């Protein structure tokens, strides 16, 4: 269509010059091309075609990259977003599927390759398969996609994967890479796991009920986000006003209305990260436990107080009967209009397209209004390169293009899936998604599996100091194991 438009504009331009003797001119600023033409009534029409800045594209020359039909093999688990949002065998008229198919086709055409995805089961199948092929010296897979927290240390300790810092062509300064990974995951120069826009963000967010908000004349949460004042104190204040004993029996239970609802489990780790409190930080290239802070204690106390108040929040433990992914219904159903705020994985937004409730999407609240940015803990998996992958430049080129084309083709379609027809008219929710995804980060605490501390202490007595003292040694042992694995990897593999 753009080519057709350009041809039409050219014909109009030439006709204007030779017939109407009109003036025409073109200007370029590096991001757009502007063409001015004179129309029959003497007025000028200016059409600007946006072009992407060159710095946002991969740096290598695609014209020098002909791999003569070679296969690029990707192994992935049948889990989460991998199931529906990563691969497409053919175009079928569904927007997300066709965007994925278009991305894949472009890469295959650019490099003259065939991208071949493999799966042999759920998340526990990936490590054994990678280990088997690497130990056998088999160049079986060019890229492996993993879970976010399952057995990841073994990939390093057993020298099963390459160091992303050693993969040619890769440029993590490009906007389609999650550059925060190097700050939060890399240890002793070893970066075993990486993510660009090929790995779609899987984060937790806050949905809000617009009807309840309006009925109570509460503050506009979008305005709070934009002004930097969307905090847990503000959410708790508004939630207190929204709770209501519907049946008037004087007891708050699953038949009443609440200001805040959510499944108490792994999602609650996202609250901690949203408050800009990491479980593990990298200091001088080495991971250290980061939770022994006044900030961590204050966060736990604040959330625990809200949960135990009795009439502000309602939470439940995971059960398949409550899981929308299994066609379940939460005990206090957001769709029934009995909650102002709902802590929920953003990926569930697509399940709520037919929901009766008019809702919006918000990032996780800040700890306080002096916190600089909104932060979202990313629960998506990772990319890693098996040690036996023989052509690392080939891998680097494909992965760069996967990130680049996903950012330009697939991610917009993913936005549409998440927002759906129900709230596509809500431009603010689109902006909220930008804030959520721009602030998506990883935490090494999830990689090595110590993230359960948050929901465990909140389900207990809320005394984080005591819980920390009992578990600090175990957590530090897990950190040391990972750090040592990275050190030894670098010693033997460089």
Foldseek 3Di string as FASTA:
>chain_A
DVVVVVVVVVVQQVCCCPPVVDDWDWDDDQFWIWIWGADPVGDIDIDIDGDHHPLQAQDDDLVVAAPQAAEAEEEEACDDCVVPQQAEPDDDPQQRNVLNVVLQVVLCVSRVYHYHYDYDYHQVPQVVVLVVCVVVLHLPHFKYWHFLAPPLLCCLLVVFFDFPVPQPSDDCVRPQWPVQQCFFPFAPSGRFWTDGLSQPFWFKWKKFFPVLCVVLVHDDVLVCVVLLFQALVSLLVVFVSSFDPVVPPPADDLVTAAAEEEAQFLNLLQLCVQQVFFQWGQDPRAIDGGQPDPLNLVSLVSVLCQDPVRGHYDYHHDDLLCDVVNVHNNSNHVLVVRYGMYTDTLLCLLVCQVRPTQMAIAARHYNGSVDDAGAIETRTITMTGTPSNDRSNVSSVSVSSSSSSCVVRNVVSVLCSSCDPSCPVPVSRVVRVVRHVVRYHYHVCSHLPNSRLRSVCSVPDSRSVVVCVVCVVVSVVSSVSSNVSSVVSVVVPD
